[in-house]
């Protein structure tokens, strides 16, 4: 290296160091100012929204009321996946394992947790190993293709074997399905009697993401293989999949709510469970729809559903088409059959291949998205039946719904105390940093462990009403709000150091 090259290198290093120092200093000062702005938000807002004094007696009584017992069995599920290229093949491995134990709620002491001894003997697990020729991977992995256009290989960045293997999400999709499928198998197994199921996932985010991944109806047949699969001698069609995408029902919780995009399916599911056909006014009455504008939407959706074959009409009375009366039962069989093939049966040649009309087809990531969504609904349905508690725990670093949606909506509707919105806007951007900062500055008043009160996960898609009307809200994107009363969300901080109470664990 000559002196000119050495001088240029030193200049580049100095320039990089200067940029790094200035950028880091600017961000540190910015966050320092943000931290200062939220010191008093604990007293003015969050003091009544945080629980740190956990009553053992209350927990014991709640467990007895909900579970019918003070000692219940739990399972915690986590998954593993990896991808490895091998000559012209790519090997996708995915698995999900469950650790099990018991939680005993006591009247005058903390709950006692007992793990089942012998992890290998006691654990339940499912796994899959899928070998795929590298040229077939883009056909299976829909995330590698542009979903809006036909695949076009870039001249600048051609798809190499290595890039295909590294960027494929097949193993991740199989792992996600494996975790939900194993959870369903455990909760539905009477011998296991699982009453608390822990997943390393945000349930709301996963359900919302799966709904989005399966939203391109025009691609279901072209990019997937589920359509045409026979269950009980009847092939799955587009209407079956559309029927299943929203098929999470709870009459007591009024799910799905007869509003927005869910009104159509609330009508279909109402007629599905009805023992006789219903007139238009009877449908409106059952759904508690009296507003003329909303009744027009009901009429519109009924006509559309009749046209598409979901509903049958006779003498101005409507009923579910007999073809789809047992759709949910057939979809559940489909998921269980494919789950057994993919994750449990050792005798299949390739677990990701299925046969339709004597021909082999690959299950794609779109199919896995459908299977995971339907299996999640099956798991929730089973938890409701068995009175099992389904909990998703994850460190959601980027979440902002508490700061950007929950607090503004509740403050604008006079549910919580009025606060200075300018101070709130200056607070750290994410909920995790926001709550960790408040916890740090108020460590003497807020001992760990603590938890935030639960709020409906639908707040993630709600913003204050644009016209500032009390009792009204708007959807954050295209005025759409995800289903309410399905999940609740909270934040927790579990521990603090004994020698320094300001040294605390991350907010989850």
Protein backbone atom coordinates (compact mmCIF):
# COMPACT_ATOMS: atom_id res chain seq x y z
CA UNK A 1 0.00 0.00 0.00
CA UNK A 2 1.52 3.34 -1.02
CA UNK A 3 1.31 6.58 1.00
CA UNK A 4 -1.54 7.93 -1.10
CA UNK A 5 -3.68 4.84 -0.42
CA UNK A 6 -2.78 5.00 3.30
CA UNK A 7 -3.75 8.68 3.48
CA UNK A 8 -7.08 7.99 1.78
CA UNK A 9 -7.82 5.13 4.18
CA UNK A 10 -7.06 7.28 7.24
CA UNK A 11 -9.33 10.02 5.89
CA UNK A 12 -12.18 7.54 5.36
CA UNK A 13 -11.78 6.14 8.88
CA UNK A 14 -11.82 9.65 10.41
CA UNK A 15 -14.88 10.60 8.38
CA UNK A 16 -16.71 7.42 9.43
CA UNK A 17 -15.80 8.01 13.09
CA UNK A 18 -17.03 11.60 12.96
CA UNK A 19 -20.34 10.60 11.36
CA UNK A 20 -20.82 7.79 13.91
CA UNK A 21 -20.07 10.05 16.89
CA UNK A 22 -22.36 12.85 15.73
CA UNK A 23 -25.21 10.50 14.80
CA UNK A 24 -24.99 8.54 18.07
CA UNK A 25 -24.72 11.72 20.16
CA UNK A 26 -27.75 13.20 18.42
CA UNK A 27 -29.87 10.12 19.09
CA UNK A 28 -28.71 9.90 22.73
CA UNK A 29 -29.64 13.55 23.31
CA UNK A 30 -33.00 13.01 21.59
CA UNK A 31 -33.86 10.05 23.82
CA UNK A 32 -32.61 11.87 26.92
CA UNK A 33 -35.06 14.68 26.15
CA UNK A 34 -37.82 12.15 25.53
CA UNK A 35 -37.13 10.45 28.87
CA UNK A 36 -37.34 13.77 30.71
CA UNK A 37 -40.75 14.51 29.18
CA UNK A 38 -42.40 11.40 30.64
CA UNK A 39 -41.24 11.55 34.27
CA UNK A 40 -44.65 12.66 35.55
CA UNK A 41 -46.80 10.50 33.25
CA UNK A 42 -46.88 7.72 35.84
CA UNK A 43 -48.82 9.80 38.35
CA UNK A 44 -51.05 11.55 35.82
CA UNK A 45 -51.92 8.52 33.71
CA UNK A 46 -50.43 5.09 34.39
CA UNK A 47 -50.69 4.83 38.18
CA UNK A 48 -54.25 3.47 37.88
CA UNK A 49 -53.44 1.27 34.89
CA UNK A 50 -50.60 -0.77 36.39
CA UNK A 51 -50.98 -3.66 38.80
CA UNK A 52 -48.03 -4.53 41.05
CA UNK A 53 -49.79 -5.78 44.17
CA UNK A 54 -50.88 -9.26 43.15
CA UNK A 55 -53.28 -10.82 45.64
CA UNK A 56 -52.65 -14.53 46.13
CA UNK A 57 -56.19 -15.01 47.45
CA UNK A 58 -57.69 -13.40 44.34
CA UNK A 59 -55.53 -15.54 42.06
CA UNK A 60 -56.58 -18.67 43.97
CA UNK A 61 -60.28 -17.78 43.76
CA UNK A 62 -60.02 -16.92 40.05
CA UNK A 63 -58.29 -20.24 39.31
CA UNK A 64 -60.98 -22.14 41.19
CA UNK A 65 -63.72 -20.28 39.32
CA UNK A 66 -62.16 -20.60 35.85
CA UNK A 67 -60.37 -23.96 35.99
CA UNK A 68 -62.41 -25.64 38.73
CA UNK A 69 -59.17 -26.59 40.45
CA UNK A 70 -56.28 -24.87 42.23
CA UNK A 71 -53.72 -27.09 40.47
CA UNK A 72 -53.63 -27.15 36.67
CA UNK A 73 -51.36 -28.57 34.00
CA UNK A 74 -49.57 -26.26 31.56
CA UNK A 75 -47.58 -26.64 28.36
CA UNK A 76 -45.14 -24.19 26.77
CA UNK A 77 -44.39 -24.59 23.06
CA UNK A 78 -41.46 -23.32 21.05
CA UNK A 79 -40.20 -24.15 17.58
CA UNK A 80 -36.92 -24.56 15.71
CA UNK A 81 -36.14 -24.39 12.02
CA UNK A 82 -33.16 -24.41 9.71
CA UNK A 83 -32.44 -24.59 6.01
CA UNK A 84 -29.42 -26.32 4.50
CA UNK A 85 -28.48 -26.59 0.80
CA UNK A 86 -27.04 -29.97 -0.19
CA UNK A 87 -25.90 -30.38 -3.79
CA UNK A 88 -29.02 -29.74 -5.93
CA UNK A 89 -31.34 -30.13 -2.95
CA UNK A 90 -32.42 -27.78 -0.18
CA UNK A 91 -33.25 -29.48 3.13
CA UNK A 92 -35.90 -27.74 5.23
CA UNK A 93 -36.18 -28.90 8.85
CA UNK A 94 -38.84 -27.64 11.27
CA UNK A 95 -40.04 -28.82 14.65
CA UNK A 96 -42.07 -27.76 17.69
CA UNK A 97 -41.57 -29.04 21.24
CA UNK A 98 -43.65 -28.66 24.39
CA UNK A 99 -42.34 -28.52 27.96
CA UNK A 100 -45.01 -29.42 30.51
CA UNK A 101 -45.66 -29.04 34.20
CA UNK A 102 -48.15 -27.99 36.87
CA UNK A 103 -49.08 -24.66 38.46
CA UNK A 104 -50.61 -24.75 41.92
CA UNK A 105 -52.41 -21.59 43.02
CA UNK A 106 -52.26 -21.07 46.81
CA UNK A 107 -54.34 -18.81 49.04
CA UNK A 108 -51.55 -17.29 51.10
CA UNK A 109 -48.42 -17.84 49.02
CA UNK A 110 -47.16 -17.34 45.45
CA UNK A 111 -48.20 -19.96 42.88
CA UNK A 112 -46.00 -23.04 42.90
CA UNK A 113 -44.61 -24.18 39.54
CA UNK A 114 -43.52 -27.76 39.07
CA UNK A 115 -41.90 -28.96 35.84
CA UNK A 116 -42.36 -32.57 34.80
CA UNK A 117 -39.11 -34.47 35.27
CA UNK A 118 -37.41 -36.12 32.33
CA UNK A 119 -37.67 -33.69 29.42
CA UNK A 120 -37.10 -36.33 26.75
CA UNK A 121 -39.62 -38.76 28.24
CA UNK A 122 -42.31 -36.21 29.08
CA UNK A 123 -42.14 -33.79 26.15
CA UNK A 124 -44.48 -33.80 23.16
CA UNK A 125 -43.04 -32.77 19.84
CA UNK A 126 -43.69 -32.83 16.11
CA UNK A 127 -41.20 -32.32 13.31
CA UNK A 128 -40.80 -32.34 9.54
CA UNK A 129 -37.87 -32.69 7.18
CA UNK A 130 -38.59 -31.68 3.59
CA UNK A 131 -36.06 -32.16 0.77
CA UNK A 132 -36.77 -30.03 -2.29
CA UNK A 133 -34.84 -29.63 -5.51
CA UNK A 134 -33.60 -26.05 -5.62
CA UNK A 135 -35.42 -25.28 -8.88
CA UNK A 136 -38.75 -26.18 -7.22
CA UNK A 137 -38.33 -23.89 -4.21
CA UNK A 138 -39.69 -20.70 -5.88
CA UNK A 139 -42.81 -22.62 -6.93
CA UNK A 140 -43.48 -23.67 -3.34
CA UNK A 141 -42.38 -20.51 -1.55
CA UNK A 142 -44.83 -17.81 -2.62
CA UNK A 143 -42.96 -15.20 -0.53
CA UNK A 144 -40.10 -15.40 -3.04
CA UNK A 145 -42.36 -14.28 -5.86
CA UNK A 146 -44.00 -10.96 -6.51
CA UNK A 147 -47.59 -11.75 -5.56
CA UNK A 148 -48.96 -9.12 -7.91
CA UNK A 149 -47.05 -10.13 -11.03
CA UNK A 150 -45.73 -13.22 -12.71
CA UNK A 151 -42.22 -14.14 -11.66
CA UNK A 152 -39.56 -12.26 -13.58
CA UNK A 153 -35.86 -12.96 -12.98
CA UNK A 154 -33.87 -9.78 -12.66
CA UNK A 155 -30.96 -9.31 -15.05
CA UNK A 156 -29.12 -7.37 -12.37
CA UNK A 157 -29.76 -9.86 -9.53
CA UNK A 158 -30.48 -13.35 -10.88
CA UNK A 159 -31.82 -15.98 -8.48
CA UNK A 160 -28.83 -18.14 -7.58
CA UNK A 161 -29.08 -21.49 -5.76
CA UNK A 162 -27.56 -19.95 -2.65
CA UNK A 163 -29.90 -16.95 -2.62
CA UNK A 164 -32.91 -19.25 -3.06
CA UNK A 165 -31.86 -21.40 -0.10
CA UNK A 166 -30.98 -18.47 2.17
CA UNK A 167 -34.11 -16.42 1.45
CA UNK A 168 -36.68 -19.20 1.44
CA UNK A 169 -39.27 -19.12 4.24
CA UNK A 170 -40.55 -22.69 3.80
CA UNK A 171 -38.96 -23.95 7.04
CA UNK A 172 -40.33 -20.95 8.95
CA UNK A 173 -43.85 -21.55 7.64
CA UNK A 174 -43.75 -25.24 8.54
CA UNK A 175 -42.43 -24.37 12.03
CA UNK A 176 -45.25 -21.86 12.60
CA UNK A 177 -47.84 -24.43 11.59
CA UNK A 178 -46.12 -27.05 13.76
CA UNK A 179 -46.36 -24.86 16.87
CA UNK A 180 -50.09 -24.20 16.42
CA UNK A 181 -50.81 -27.79 15.41
CA UNK A 182 -48.99 -29.17 18.47
CA UNK A 183 -50.90 -26.73 20.68
CA UNK A 184 -54.18 -27.97 19.21
CA UNK A 185 -53.19 -31.62 19.69
CA UNK A 186 -52.28 -30.99 23.34
CA UNK A 187 -55.39 -29.02 24.29
CA UNK A 188 -57.74 -31.41 22.49
CA UNK A 189 -56.15 -34.51 24.07
CA UNK A 190 -58.20 -35.48 27.18
CA UNK A 191 -55.26 -37.52 28.51
CA UNK A 192 -53.05 -34.41 28.57
CA UNK A 193 -55.70 -32.15 30.16
CA UNK A 194 -53.71 -28.99 29.37
CA UNK A 195 -55.40 -25.95 30.95
CA UNK A 196 -52.75 -23.29 30.27
CA UNK A 197 -50.97 -23.13 26.90
CA UNK A 198 -48.04 -20.77 26.37
CA UNK A 199 -46.84 -19.83 22.88
CA UNK A 200 -43.80 -17.81 21.91
CA UNK A 201 -45.87 -15.60 19.60
CA UNK A 202 -48.11 -12.57 19.51
CA UNK A 203 -51.48 -14.17 18.81
CA UNK A 204 -53.07 -10.97 17.50
CA UNK A 205 -50.19 -10.16 15.16
CA UNK A 206 -50.11 -13.73 13.87
CA UNK A 207 -53.85 -13.86 13.17
CA UNK A 208 -53.78 -10.47 11.45
CA UNK A 209 -50.73 -11.45 9.39
CA UNK A 210 -52.30 -14.76 8.33
CA UNK A 211 -55.49 -12.98 7.28
CA UNK A 212 -53.39 -10.70 5.09
CA UNK A 213 -51.33 -13.58 3.65
CA UNK A 214 -54.54 -15.34 2.57
CA UNK A 215 -56.38 -12.27 1.35
CA UNK A 216 -55.65 -12.56 -2.40
CA UNK A 217 -58.69 -14.61 -3.35
CA UNK A 218 -57.82 -14.60 -7.04
CA UNK A 219 -54.55 -16.41 -6.24
CA UNK A 220 -55.97 -19.23 -4.08
CA UNK A 221 -56.25 -21.74 -6.90
CA UNK A 222 -53.36 -20.51 -9.01
CA UNK A 223 -50.80 -20.29 -6.19
CA UNK A 224 -52.06 -23.03 -3.88
CA UNK A 225 -52.98 -26.70 -3.86
CA UNK A 226 -55.76 -26.96 -1.26
CA UNK A 227 -58.54 -26.34 -3.76
CA UNK A 228 -59.56 -29.69 -5.18
CA UNK A 229 -58.46 -31.75 -2.16
CA UNK A 230 -61.25 -34.19 -1.35
CA UNK A 231 -62.57 -34.52 2.19
CA UNK A 232 -65.44 -36.96 2.77
CA UNK A 233 -65.74 -37.29 -1.00
CA UNK A 234 -66.32 -33.55 -1.54
CA UNK A 235 -63.54 -31.40 -3.06
CA UNK A 236 -62.52 -28.18 -1.31
CA UNK A 237 -63.47 -25.13 -3.37
CA UNK A 238 -62.94 -21.36 -3.18
CA UNK A 239 -66.09 -20.85 -1.09
CA UNK A 240 -64.89 -23.40 1.45
CA UNK A 241 -61.66 -21.45 2.00
CA UNK A 242 -63.52 -18.11 2.12
CA UNK A 243 -65.91 -19.66 4.66
CA UNK A 244 -62.99 -20.80 6.84
CA UNK A 245 -60.95 -17.57 6.83
CA UNK A 246 -63.40 -15.85 9.22
CA UNK A 247 -64.78 -18.95 10.92
CA UNK A 248 -64.10 -18.15 14.57
CA UNK A 249 -67.49 -18.19 16.33
CA UNK A 250 -68.51 -17.35 19.88
CA UNK A 251 -72.14 -16.42 20.45
CA UNK A 252 -71.56 -15.15 23.97
CA UNK A 253 -68.76 -12.82 22.80
CA UNK A 254 -70.69 -11.87 19.63
CA UNK A 255 -67.87 -13.02 17.36
CA UNK A 256 -67.88 -12.22 14.51
CA UNK A 257 -69.43 -8.81 15.12
CA UNK A 258 -72.06 -7.86 12.51
CA UNK A 259 -70.13 -4.86 11.21
CA UNK A 260 -67.79 -3.88 8.41
CA UNK A 261 -66.14 -6.74 6.52
CA UNK A 262 -67.46 -9.23 9.09
CA UNK A 263 -71.16 -8.52 8.48
CA UNK A 264 -71.30 -10.85 5.50
CA UNK A 265 -69.85 -13.76 7.47
CA UNK A 266 -72.00 -13.00 10.51
CA UNK A 267 -75.00 -13.53 8.20
CA UNK A 268 -73.59 -16.77 6.75
CA UNK A 269 -72.69 -18.20 10.15
CA UNK A 270 -76.09 -17.22 11.57
CA UNK A 271 -77.81 -19.24 8.83
CA UNK A 272 -75.30 -22.06 9.27
CA UNK A 273 -76.40 -22.65 12.87
CA UNK A 274 -80.09 -21.91 12.25
CA UNK A 275 -82.32 -24.99 12.15
CA UNK A 276 -84.69 -23.38 9.67
CA UNK A 277 -84.58 -20.78 6.92
CA UNK A 278 -84.98 -17.12 7.90
CA UNK A 279 -86.62 -14.10 6.33
CA UNK A 280 -84.74 -10.86 5.78
CA UNK A 281 -86.30 -9.11 8.79
CA UNK A 282 -85.59 -12.16 10.97
CA UNK A 283 -81.92 -12.04 9.99
CA UNK A 284 -81.75 -8.33 10.87
CA UNK A 285 -83.48 -8.96 14.19
CA UNK A 286 -81.12 -11.81 15.11
CA UNK A 287 -78.14 -9.56 14.35
CA UNK A 288 -79.73 -6.59 16.21
CA UNK A 289 -79.58 -4.42 13.10
CA UNK A 290 -82.32 -1.79 13.07
CA UNK A 291 -80.62 1.08 11.26
CA UNK A 292 -81.94 1.43 7.69
CA UNK A 293 -78.50 2.07 6.24
CA UNK A 294 -77.10 -1.08 7.82
CA UNK A 295 -80.14 -3.09 6.73
CA UNK A 296 -79.38 -2.12 3.15
CA UNK A 297 -75.88 -3.55 3.61
CA UNK A 298 -77.42 -6.76 4.96
CA UNK A 299 -79.61 -7.00 1.85
CA UNK A 300 -76.59 -6.39 -0.37
CA UNK A 301 -74.51 -9.12 1.29
CA UNK A 302 -77.38 -11.61 1.23
CA UNK A 303 -77.85 -11.13 -2.51
CA UNK A 304 -74.12 -11.45 -3.12
CA UNK A 305 -73.90 -14.62 -1.00
CA UNK A 306 -76.84 -16.16 -2.88
CA UNK A 307 -75.18 -15.33 -6.19
CA UNK A 308 -71.86 -16.89 -5.11
CA UNK A 309 -73.57 -20.01 -3.80
CA UNK A 310 -73.05 -19.63 -0.05
CA UNK A 311 -76.78 -19.21 0.58
CA UNK A 312 -79.96 -20.66 -0.91
CA UNK A 313 -83.16 -18.62 -1.41
CA UNK A 314 -86.71 -19.96 -1.57
CA UNK A 315 -89.92 -17.96 -1.13
CA UNK A 316 -87.97 -14.96 0.23
CA UNK A 317 -86.43 -17.15 2.92
CA UNK A 318 -82.72 -17.79 3.20
CA UNK A 319 -80.67 -20.74 4.40
CA UNK A 320 -77.12 -22.01 4.15
CA UNK A 321 -76.42 -23.91 0.95
CA UNK A 322 -76.41 -27.62 1.87
CA UNK A 323 -73.05 -27.86 0.06
CA UNK A 324 -71.48 -25.72 2.83
CA UNK A 325 -73.46 -26.92 5.85
CA UNK A 326 -70.54 -29.08 6.99
CA UNK A 327 -67.71 -26.99 5.58
CA UNK A 328 -66.12 -26.29 8.97
CA UNK A 329 -66.10 -29.99 9.88
CA UNK A 330 -64.47 -30.83 6.54
CA UNK A 331 -61.88 -28.05 6.88
CA UNK A 332 -60.90 -29.32 10.32
CA UNK A 333 -60.47 -32.83 8.91
CA UNK A 334 -58.33 -31.41 6.10
CA UNK A 335 -56.03 -29.60 8.56
CA UNK A 336 -55.70 -32.67 10.80
CA UNK A 337 -54.99 -34.98 7.85
CA UNK A 338 -52.37 -32.68 6.35
CA UNK A 339 -50.90 -31.99 9.80
CA UNK A 340 -50.44 -35.71 10.43
CA UNK A 341 -48.84 -36.15 7.02
CA UNK A 342 -46.53 -33.16 7.36
CA UNK A 343 -45.49 -33.55 11.00
CA UNK A 344 -46.23 -37.02 12.35
CA UNK A 345 -46.26 -39.76 9.75
CA UNK A 346 -42.87 -41.37 9.03
CA UNK A 347 -44.09 -43.38 6.03
CA UNK A 348 -44.63 -40.53 3.53
CA UNK A 349 -42.18 -40.07 0.66
CA UNK A 350 -42.25 -36.29 0.90
CA UNK A 351 -44.45 -34.68 3.59
CA UNK A 352 -45.04 -31.54 1.50
CA UNK A 353 -46.57 -33.44 -1.45
CA UNK A 354 -50.26 -34.27 -1.77
CA UNK A 355 -52.28 -36.12 -4.38
CA UNK A 356 -55.29 -34.72 -6.22
CA UNK A 357 -57.02 -36.79 -8.89
CA UNK A 358 -54.04 -39.12 -9.00
CA UNK A 359 -51.50 -36.35 -9.59
CA UNK A 360 -48.88 -35.06 -7.14
CA UNK A 361 -48.90 -31.41 -6.07
CA UNK A 362 -46.67 -29.42 -3.74
CA UNK A 363 -48.19 -27.67 -0.76
CA UNK A 364 -47.13 -24.03 -1.05
CA UNK A 365 -46.54 -21.37 1.59
CA UNK A 366 -50.00 -20.02 0.74
CA UNK A 367 -51.45 -23.42 1.67
CA UNK A 368 -49.41 -23.41 4.89
CA UNK A 369 -50.78 -19.95 5.70
CA UNK A 370 -54.34 -21.26 5.29
CA UNK A 371 -53.59 -24.38 7.34
CA UNK A 372 -52.05 -22.30 10.14
CA UNK A 373 -54.96 -19.85 10.22
CA UNK A 374 -57.56 -22.62 10.30
CA UNK A 375 -55.56 -24.53 12.94
CA UNK A 376 -55.36 -21.36 15.07
CA UNK A 377 -59.17 -21.11 14.94
CA UNK A 378 -59.40 -24.80 15.86
CA UNK A 379 -57.09 -24.18 18.84
CA UNK A 380 -59.10 -21.17 20.04
CA UNK A 381 -62.34 -23.12 19.64
CA UNK A 382 -60.88 -26.00 21.67
CA UNK A 383 -59.65 -23.61 24.40
CA UNK A 384 -63.17 -22.19 24.72
CA UNK A 385 -64.62 -25.70 25.00
CA UNK A 386 -62.09 -26.91 27.60
CA UNK A 387 -61.82 -23.59 29.48
CA UNK A 388 -58.10 -23.55 28.74
CA UNK A 389 -56.10 -20.33 28.90
CA UNK A 390 -54.21 -19.48 25.68
CA UNK A 391 -51.32 -17.05 26.21
CA UNK A 392 -48.86 -15.65 23.69
CA UNK A 393 -45.67 -14.19 25.17
CA UNK A 394 -43.15 -12.29 23.08
CA UNK A 395 -40.87 -9.25 23.23
CA UNK A 396 -42.63 -6.99 20.72
CA UNK A 397 -39.92 -4.39 20.19
CA UNK A 398 -41.71 -2.35 17.52
CA UNK A 399 -45.25 -2.26 18.94
CA UNK A 400 -46.74 1.23 19.41
CA UNK A 401 -50.46 0.65 19.89
CA UNK A 402 -50.56 1.63 23.59
CA UNK A 403 -48.94 5.01 22.99
CA UNK A 404 -50.45 5.78 19.58
CA UNK A 405 -53.91 4.19 19.82
CA UNK A 406 -55.05 3.10 23.28
CA UNK A 407 -54.09 6.21 25.25
CA UNK A 408 -55.27 8.81 22.67
CA UNK A 409 -58.62 7.02 22.11
CA UNK A 410 -59.36 6.62 25.84
CA UNK A 411 -58.24 10.15 26.70
CA UNK A 412 -60.29 11.70 23.88
CA UNK A 413 -63.37 9.83 25.12
CA UNK A 414 -62.87 10.94 28.74
CA UNK A 415 -62.25 7.37 29.87
CA UNK A 416 -58.83 8.23 31.32
CA UNK A 417 -57.46 11.45 32.79
CA UNK A 418 -56.63 14.26 30.45
CA UNK A 419 -52.92 14.55 29.76
CA UNK A 420 -50.73 16.90 27.81
CA UNK A 421 -50.70 15.38 24.31
CA UNK A 422 -47.48 17.24 23.50
CA UNK A 423 -45.71 15.38 26.32
CA UNK A 424 -47.06 12.09 25.07
CA UNK A 425 -45.85 12.83 21.55
CA UNK A 426 -42.34 13.49 22.90
CA UNK A 427 -42.22 10.13 24.73
CA UNK A 428 -40.11 7.26 23.31
CA UNK A 429 -41.60 5.93 20.11
CA UNK A 430 -42.29 2.31 21.07
CA UNK A 431 -44.46 0.95 23.88
CA UNK A 432 -41.60 -1.12 25.26
CA UNK A 433 -39.25 1.86 25.62
CA UNK A 434 -42.12 4.05 26.85
CA UNK A 435 -43.03 1.66 29.69
CA UNK A 436 -39.43 0.75 30.56
CA UNK A 437 -38.60 4.44 30.91
CA UNK A 438 -41.57 5.11 33.18
CA UNK A 439 -40.70 2.04 35.24
CA UNK A 440 -37.07 3.17 35.57
CA UNK A 441 -37.91 6.74 36.65
CA UNK A 442 -40.58 5.55 39.10
CA UNK A 443 -38.85 2.45 40.47
CA UNK A 444 -39.69 3.35 44.09
CA UNK A 445 -43.42 3.58 43.32
CA UNK A 446 -43.56 0.71 40.82
CA UNK A 447 -41.86 -2.46 42.10
CA UNK A 448 -41.42 -5.39 39.72
CA UNK A 449 -43.12 -7.65 38.87
CA UNK A 450 -45.95 -5.55 37.48
CA UNK A 451 -48.42 -5.76 34.62
CA UNK A 452 -50.48 -3.31 32.66
CA UNK A 453 -54.24 -3.81 32.66
CA UNK A 454 -55.45 -5.77 29.64
CA UNK A 455 -56.96 -3.99 26.66
CA UNK A 456 -58.69 -5.32 23.59
CA UNK A 457 -56.21 -6.07 20.81
CA UNK A 458 -58.59 -4.39 18.35
CA UNK A 459 -57.09 -1.10 19.59
CA UNK A 460 -54.15 -1.86 17.30
CA UNK A 461 -56.28 -0.76 14.35
CA UNK A 462 -58.28 2.03 16.03
CA UNK A 463 -57.57 5.77 16.05
CA UNK A 464 -59.53 8.68 17.61
CA UNK A 465 -62.57 9.83 15.65
CA UNK A 466 -61.61 12.32 12.96
CA UNK A 467 -64.55 14.55 13.96
CA UNK A 468 -63.74 14.32 17.70
CA UNK A 469 -67.16 12.84 18.54
CA UNK A 470 -67.50 11.13 21.90
CA UNK A 471 -68.12 7.38 21.65
CA UNK A 472 -66.83 7.15 18.06
CA UNK A 473 -63.59 5.82 16.60
CA UNK A 474 -62.09 5.32 13.14
CA UNK A 475 -60.14 2.47 11.62
CA UNK A 476 -56.43 3.24 11.31
CA UNK A 477 -56.11 1.89 7.75
CA UNK A 478 -58.97 2.23 5.25
CA UNK A 479 -61.29 2.73 8.25
CA UNK A 480 -61.10 -1.01 9.06
CA UNK A 481 -60.94 -2.47 12.57
CA UNK A 482 -59.92 -6.07 13.29
CA UNK A 483 -62.34 -8.28 15.30
CA UNK A 484 -62.86 -7.20 18.90
CA UNK A 485 -63.28 -9.46 21.95
CA UNK A 486 -61.03 -12.11 20.40
CA UNK A 487 -57.73 -11.32 22.16
CA UNK A 488 -56.64 -9.03 24.97
CA UNK A 489 -53.17 -7.58 25.29
CA UNK A 490 -51.00 -6.46 28.19
CA UNK A 491 -47.39 -5.60 29.02
CA UNK A 492 -45.41 -7.09 31.89
CA UNK A 493 -42.07 -6.56 33.63
CA UNK A 494 -41.08 -9.60 35.64
CA UNK A 495 -38.00 -8.86 37.72
CA UNK A 496 -35.61 -6.34 39.23
CA UNK A 497 -32.14 -6.75 40.77
CA UNK A 498 -32.03 -7.08 44.56
CA UNK A 499 -28.96 -4.86 44.89
CA UNK A 500 -30.28 -2.17 42.50
CA UNK A 501 -34.07 -1.89 41.92
CA UNK A 502 -33.45 0.34 38.90
CA UNK A 503 -31.82 -2.59 37.11
CA UNK A 504 -34.81 -4.38 35.60
CA UNK A 505 -35.75 -6.96 32.99
CA UNK A 506 -37.17 -6.02 29.60
CA UNK A 507 -40.84 -5.16 29.29
CA UNK A 508 -42.65 -7.96 27.44
